[in-house]
Amino acid sequence: MANTAKLTKEERKKSKRASRKKRKAEKPLKPRDYARGSKKPKVKKLARGQAKR
């Protein structure tokens, strides 16, 4: 991304948004091959202690 120090706030917003959109088009994220949250550690309710009370 270019140096935005000399731009006004509105121009800076526009250039940042344009660079984000460009990056998203060039390097799309690959789709997940596992369910969201499935890799989180599962915690039993007793192990949480006071937090469940």
C-alpha atoms as a PDB file:
ATOM      1  CA  MET A   1       0.000   0.000   0.000  1.00  0.00           C
ATOM      2  CA  ALA A   2       1.217   3.489  -0.838  1.00  0.00           C
ATOM      3  CA  ASN A   3       2.190   6.096   1.750  1.00  0.00           C
ATOM      4  CA  THR A   4      -1.097   7.716   2.840  1.00  0.00           C
ATOM      5  CA  ALA A   5       0.350  10.387   5.170  1.00  0.00           C
ATOM      6  CA  LYS A   6      -0.221  13.202   2.665  1.00  0.00           C
ATOM      7  CA  LEU A   7      -3.819  12.245   1.808  1.00  0.00           C
ATOM      8  CA  THR A   8      -6.940  13.622   3.472  1.00  0.00           C
ATOM      9  CA  LYS A   9      -8.956  11.362   5.732  1.00  0.00           C
ATOM     10  CA  GLU A  10     -11.577  10.603   3.073  1.00  0.00           C
ATOM     11  CA  GLU A  11      -8.970   9.826   0.412  1.00  0.00           C
ATOM     12  CA  ARG A  12      -7.135   7.603   2.893  1.00  0.00           C
ATOM     13  CA  LYS A  13     -10.345   5.658   3.608  1.00  0.00           C
ATOM     14  CA  LYS A  14     -10.964   5.198  -0.106  1.00  0.00           C
ATOM     15  CA  SER A  15      -7.432   3.990  -0.814  1.00  0.00           C
ATOM     16  CA  LYS A  16      -7.437   1.563   2.113  1.00  0.00           C
ATOM     17  CA  ARG A  17     -10.793   0.131   1.062  1.00  0.00           C
ATOM     18  CA  ALA A  18      -9.576  -0.234  -2.525  1.00  0.00           C
ATOM     19  CA  SER A  19      -6.417  -2.051  -1.408  1.00  0.00           C
ATOM     20  CA  ARG A  20      -8.456  -4.390   0.819  1.00  0.00           C
ATOM     21  CA  LYS A  21     -10.812  -5.242  -2.026  1.00  0.00           C
ATOM     22  CA  LYS A  22      -7.844  -5.787  -4.353  1.00  0.00           C
ATOM     23  CA  ARG A  23      -6.124  -8.105  -1.874  1.00  0.00           C
ATOM     24  CA  LYS A  24      -9.343 -10.078  -1.350  1.00  0.00           C
ATOM     25  CA  ALA A  25      -9.681 -10.554  -5.119  1.00  0.00           C
ATOM     26  CA  GLU A  26      -6.038 -11.622  -5.537  1.00  0.00           C
ATOM     27  CA  LYS A  27      -5.781 -13.977  -2.539  1.00  0.00           C
ATOM     28  CA  PRO A  28      -9.169 -15.468  -1.665  1.00  0.00           C
ATOM     29  CA  LEU A  29      -9.388 -17.552   1.503  1.00  0.00           C
ATOM     30  CA  LYS A  30      -9.741 -21.261   0.893  1.00  0.00           C
ATOM     31  CA  PRO A  31     -12.950 -22.772   2.258  1.00  0.00           C
ATOM     32  CA  ARG A  32     -12.749 -24.415   5.662  1.00  0.00           C
ATOM     33  CA  ASP A  33     -12.466 -28.207   5.669  1.00  0.00           C
ATOM     34  CA  TYR A  34     -13.796 -28.569   9.229  1.00  0.00           C
ATOM     35  CA  ALA A  35     -16.789 -27.204  11.139  1.00  0.00           C
ATOM     36  CA  ARG A  36     -16.377 -23.874  12.883  1.00  0.00           C
ATOM     37  CA  GLY A  37     -15.625 -24.320  16.566  1.00  0.00           C
ATOM     38  CA  SER A  38     -14.954 -28.033  16.242  1.00  0.00           C
ATOM     39  CA  LYS A  39     -11.265 -27.581  17.163  1.00  0.00           C
ATOM     40  CA  LYS A  40     -11.987 -25.678  20.370  1.00  0.00           C
ATOM     41  CA  PRO A  41     -11.011 -27.559  23.517  1.00  0.00           C
ATOM     42  CA  LYS A  42     -14.104 -28.999  25.176  1.00  0.00           C
ATOM     43  CA  VAL A  43     -14.317 -28.137  28.898  1.00  0.00           C
ATOM     44  CA  LYS A  44     -16.468 -30.137  31.291  1.00  0.00           C
ATOM     45  CA  LYS A  45     -18.757 -28.074  33.499  1.00  0.00           C
ATOM     46  CA  LEU A  46     -17.158 -29.314  36.740  1.00  0.00           C
ATOM     47  CA  ALA A  47     -13.715 -28.244  35.568  1.00  0.00           C
ATOM     48  CA  ARG A  48     -14.857 -24.641  35.252  1.00  0.00           C
ATOM     49  CA  GLY A  49     -15.331 -24.339  39.010  1.00  0.00           C
ATOM     50  CA  GLN A  50     -16.971 -21.098  40.236  1.00  0.00           C
ATOM     51  CA  ALA A  51     -17.712 -19.890  36.717  1.00  0.00           C
ATOM     52  CA  LYS A  52     -20.741 -22.168  36.360  1.00  0.00           C
ATOM     53  CA  ARG A  53     -22.333 -21.095  39.637  1.00  0.00           C
END
